[in-house]
């Protein structure tokens, strides 16, 4: 006999959901999941505004300047030692 496999438990779970949750809840859950996927895909397709791209480029450039300044300071302190 032994324990049930994963498929057995999934079938039992679906039957319990239909009996106690009502038949309308599963289609509603699937519809909501589909709307979420469509919204995610739509968000991926939208191109960022020019101002958003400019802000990201400024942030990257500022990070590069800070990193190069820190490296120069480190080199100067090593040379003085």
N, C-alpha and C. Protein backbone atom coordinates (compact mmCIF):
# COMPACT_ATOMS: atom_id res chain seq x y z
N UNK A 1 0.84 -1.19 0.00
CA UNK A 1 0.00 0.00 0.00
C UNK A 1 0.88 1.25 0.00
N UNK A 2 1.48 1.64 1.11
CA UNK A 2 2.39 2.77 1.15
C UNK A 2 1.68 4.11 1.08
N UNK A 3 2.46 5.15 0.86
CA UNK A 3 1.90 6.50 0.80
C UNK A 3 1.44 6.81 -0.61
N UNK A 4 0.65 7.84 -0.71
CA UNK A 4 0.16 8.26 -2.01
C UNK A 4 1.23 9.07 -2.73
N UNK A 5 1.18 9.06 -4.04
CA UNK A 5 2.13 9.86 -4.81
C UNK A 5 1.63 11.30 -4.87
N UNK A 6 2.43 12.16 -5.49
CA UNK A 6 2.09 13.58 -5.60
C UNK A 6 0.80 13.74 -6.41
N UNK A 7 0.64 12.95 -7.45
CA UNK A 7 -0.56 13.06 -8.29
C UNK A 7 -1.83 12.73 -7.51
N UNK A 8 -1.75 11.75 -6.65
CA UNK A 8 -2.91 11.41 -5.82
C UNK A 8 -3.31 12.59 -4.94
N UNK A 9 -2.30 13.22 -4.31
CA UNK A 9 -2.58 14.35 -3.43
C UNK A 9 -3.15 15.55 -4.22
N UNK A 10 -2.65 15.77 -5.43
CA UNK A 10 -3.18 16.87 -6.25
C UNK A 10 -4.63 16.64 -6.63
N UNK A 11 -4.96 15.40 -6.99
CA UNK A 11 -6.35 15.09 -7.34
C UNK A 11 -7.27 15.28 -6.13
N UNK A 12 -6.84 14.81 -4.98
CA UNK A 12 -7.63 14.98 -3.75
C UNK A 12 -7.80 16.46 -3.44
N UNK A 13 -6.73 17.25 -3.60
CA UNK A 13 -6.80 18.68 -3.33
C UNK A 13 -7.79 19.38 -4.26
N UNK A 14 -7.78 19.03 -5.54
CA UNK A 14 -8.73 19.63 -6.49
C UNK A 14 -10.16 19.28 -6.12
N UNK A 15 -10.40 18.04 -5.76
CA UNK A 15 -11.75 17.62 -5.39
C UNK A 15 -12.22 18.36 -4.15
N UNK A 16 -11.35 18.50 -3.16
CA UNK A 16 -11.71 19.22 -1.94
C UNK A 16 -12.00 20.69 -2.25
N UNK A 17 -11.17 21.31 -3.10
CA UNK A 17 -11.40 22.71 -3.46
C UNK A 17 -12.74 22.90 -4.17
N UNK A 18 -13.08 22.00 -5.06
CA UNK A 18 -14.36 22.12 -5.78
C UNK A 18 -15.53 21.89 -4.84
N UNK A 19 -15.42 20.93 -3.95
CA UNK A 19 -16.53 20.63 -3.05
C UNK A 19 -16.74 21.73 -2.01
N UNK A 20 -15.67 22.19 -1.38
CA UNK A 20 -15.82 23.14 -0.29
C UNK A 20 -15.62 24.59 -0.72
N UNK A 21 -14.95 24.82 -1.80
CA UNK A 21 -14.70 26.18 -2.25
C UNK A 21 -15.70 26.66 -3.28
N UNK A 22 -16.44 25.75 -3.84
CA UNK A 22 -17.37 26.12 -4.89
C UNK A 22 -16.69 26.07 -6.24
N UNK A 23 -17.45 25.79 -7.26
CA UNK A 23 -16.90 25.66 -8.60
C UNK A 23 -16.47 26.96 -9.22
N UNK A 24 -16.96 28.09 -8.71
CA UNK A 24 -16.65 29.38 -9.32
C UNK A 24 -15.33 29.98 -8.89
N UNK A 25 -14.73 29.44 -7.83
CA UNK A 25 -13.50 30.05 -7.32
C UNK A 25 -12.29 29.72 -8.19
N UNK A 26 -12.22 28.51 -8.72
CA UNK A 26 -11.06 28.13 -9.52
C UNK A 26 -11.01 28.96 -10.81
N UNK A 27 -12.11 29.10 -11.57
CA UNK A 27 -12.03 29.95 -12.75
C UNK A 27 -11.71 31.41 -12.41
N UNK A 28 -12.20 31.88 -11.28
CA UNK A 28 -11.89 33.25 -10.86
C UNK A 28 -10.40 33.40 -10.58
N UNK A 29 -9.81 32.40 -9.90
CA UNK A 29 -8.38 32.44 -9.63
C UNK A 29 -7.57 32.42 -10.93
N UNK A 30 -7.98 31.59 -11.88
CA UNK A 30 -7.27 31.51 -13.15
C UNK A 30 -7.41 32.81 -13.95
N UNK A 31 -8.58 33.43 -13.89
CA UNK A 31 -8.81 34.70 -14.58
C UNK A 31 -7.92 35.79 -13.97
N UNK A 32 -7.84 35.84 -12.65
CA UNK A 32 -6.99 36.82 -11.99
C UNK A 32 -5.52 36.59 -12.32
N UNK A 33 -5.11 35.32 -12.39
CA UNK A 33 -3.73 35.01 -12.74
C UNK A 33 -3.43 35.45 -14.18
N UNK A 34 -4.37 35.24 -15.08
CA UNK A 34 -4.21 35.66 -16.47
C UNK A 34 -4.09 37.17 -16.59
N UNK A 35 -4.90 37.90 -15.82
CA UNK A 35 -4.81 39.37 -15.83
C UNK A 35 -3.46 39.83 -15.32
N UNK A 36 -2.96 39.16 -14.30
CA UNK A 36 -1.64 39.50 -13.77
C UNK A 36 -0.53 39.27 -14.78
N UNK A 37 -0.61 38.16 -15.50
CA UNK A 37 0.39 37.86 -16.52
C UNK A 37 0.33 38.89 -17.64
N UNK A 38 -0.88 39.25 -18.07
CA UNK A 38 -1.02 40.26 -19.13
C UNK A 38 -0.48 41.61 -18.69
N UNK A 39 -0.73 41.99 -17.45
CA UNK A 39 -0.21 43.26 -16.94
C UNK A 39 1.31 43.23 -16.89
N UNK A 40 1.89 42.10 -16.51
CA UNK A 40 3.33 41.95 -16.46
C UNK A 40 3.93 42.09 -17.86
N UNK A 41 3.33 41.42 -18.85
CA UNK A 41 3.83 41.51 -20.22
C UNK A 41 3.72 42.92 -20.76
N UNK A 42 2.62 43.60 -20.44
CA UNK A 42 2.43 44.98 -20.89
C UNK A 42 3.50 45.88 -20.27
N UNK A 43 3.82 45.66 -19.02
CA UNK A 43 4.86 46.44 -18.35
C UNK A 43 6.22 46.22 -18.97
N UNK A 44 6.49 45.00 -19.44
CA UNK A 44 7.77 44.72 -20.08
C UNK A 44 7.87 45.40 -21.45
N UNK A 45 6.74 45.52 -22.15
CA UNK A 45 6.76 46.10 -23.49
C UNK A 45 6.88 47.62 -23.47
N UNK A 46 6.43 48.25 -22.40
CA UNK A 46 6.48 49.71 -22.33
C UNK A 46 7.92 50.18 -22.27
N UNK A 47 8.23 51.17 -23.11
CA UNK A 47 9.58 51.72 -23.11
C UNK A 47 9.68 52.80 -22.05
N UNK A 48 10.84 52.89 -21.40
CA UNK A 48 10.99 53.93 -20.38
C UNK A 48 11.01 55.31 -21.02
N UNK A 49 10.57 56.30 -20.28
CA UNK A 49 10.57 57.67 -20.77
C UNK A 49 12.00 58.15 -20.90
N UNK A 50 12.21 59.18 -21.72
CA UNK A 50 13.56 59.73 -21.92
C UNK A 50 14.13 60.25 -20.61
N UNK A 51 13.30 60.84 -19.77
CA UNK A 51 13.80 61.38 -18.50
C UNK A 51 14.27 60.26 -17.57
N UNK A 52 13.58 59.10 -17.62
CA UNK A 52 13.99 57.96 -16.81
C UNK A 52 15.36 57.45 -17.25
N UNK A 53 15.57 57.38 -18.56
CA UNK A 53 16.85 56.92 -19.10
C UNK A 53 17.95 57.90 -18.73
N UNK A 54 17.67 59.20 -18.82
CA UNK A 54 18.67 60.21 -18.47
C UNK A 54 19.02 60.13 -16.99
N UNK A 55 18.03 59.90 -16.13
CA UNK A 55 18.29 59.78 -14.69
C UNK A 55 19.18 58.57 -14.39
N UNK A 56 18.92 57.45 -15.09
CA UNK A 56 19.72 56.25 -14.88
C UNK A 56 21.16 56.48 -15.34
N UNK A 57 21.32 57.15 -16.49
CA UNK A 57 22.67 57.44 -16.99
C UNK A 57 23.42 58.36 -16.05
N UNK A 58 22.75 59.36 -15.49
CA UNK A 58 23.39 60.27 -14.53
C UNK A 58 23.84 59.51 -13.29
N UNK A 59 23.00 58.60 -12.81
CA UNK A 59 23.34 57.82 -11.63
C UNK A 59 24.55 56.92 -11.90
N UNK A 60 24.61 56.34 -13.09
CA UNK A 60 25.73 55.49 -13.45
C UNK A 60 27.02 56.32 -13.53
N UNK A 61 26.93 57.50 -14.16
CA UNK A 61 28.10 58.36 -14.28
C UNK A 61 28.59 58.82 -12.91
N UNK A 62 27.69 59.17 -12.02
CA UNK A 62 28.08 59.60 -10.68
C UNK A 62 28.75 58.46 -9.93
N UNK A 63 28.28 57.25 -10.12
CA UNK A 63 28.90 56.09 -9.49
C UNK A 63 30.31 55.87 -10.02
N UNK A 64 30.50 56.07 -11.33
CA UNK A 64 31.83 55.91 -11.92
C UNK A 64 32.79 56.96 -11.41
N UNK A 65 32.32 58.20 -11.26
CA UNK A 65 33.16 59.28 -10.75
C UNK A 65 33.57 58.99 -9.32
N UNK A 66 32.63 58.54 -8.51
CA UNK A 66 32.92 58.23 -7.11
C UNK A 66 33.92 57.08 -7.01
N UNK A 67 33.76 56.08 -7.86
CA UNK A 67 34.66 54.93 -7.82
C UNK A 67 36.07 55.33 -8.26
N UNK A 68 36.17 56.17 -9.30
CA UNK A 68 37.50 56.58 -9.76
C UNK A 68 38.17 57.49 -8.74
N UNK A 69 37.41 58.36 -8.06
CA UNK A 69 37.97 59.24 -7.04
C UNK A 69 38.49 58.41 -5.86
N UNK A 70 37.74 57.39 -5.46
CA UNK A 70 38.17 56.53 -4.36
C UNK A 70 39.44 55.77 -4.74
N UNK A 71 39.54 55.34 -5.98
CA UNK A 71 40.73 54.61 -6.42
C UNK A 71 41.94 55.54 -6.44
N UNK A 72 41.75 56.79 -6.87
CA UNK A 72 42.86 57.76 -6.89
C UNK A 72 43.33 58.06 -5.47
N UNK A 73 42.39 58.22 -4.54
CA UNK A 73 42.76 58.48 -3.14
C UNK A 73 43.55 57.30 -2.56
N UNK A 74 43.14 56.10 -2.90
CA UNK A 74 43.82 54.90 -2.42
C UNK A 74 45.25 54.84 -2.98
N UNK A 75 45.40 55.17 -4.27
CA UNK A 75 46.72 55.17 -4.89
C UNK A 75 47.63 56.22 -4.25
N UNK A 76 47.09 57.40 -3.97
CA UNK A 76 47.88 58.48 -3.35
C UNK A 76 48.35 58.06 -1.95
N UNK A 77 47.46 57.44 -1.18
CA UNK A 77 47.84 57.04 0.17
C UNK A 77 48.87 55.91 0.14
N UNK A 78 48.79 55.04 -0.85
CA UNK A 78 49.77 53.96 -0.99
C UNK A 78 51.13 54.52 -1.39
N UNK A 79 51.13 55.56 -2.23
CA UNK A 79 52.38 56.17 -2.69
C UNK A 79 53.07 56.92 -1.55
N UNK A 80 52.30 57.48 -0.64
CA UNK A 80 52.87 58.24 0.47
C UNK A 80 53.48 57.31 1.52
N UNK A 81 53.03 56.09 1.59
CA UNK A 81 53.53 55.16 2.62
C UNK A 81 54.89 54.64 2.33
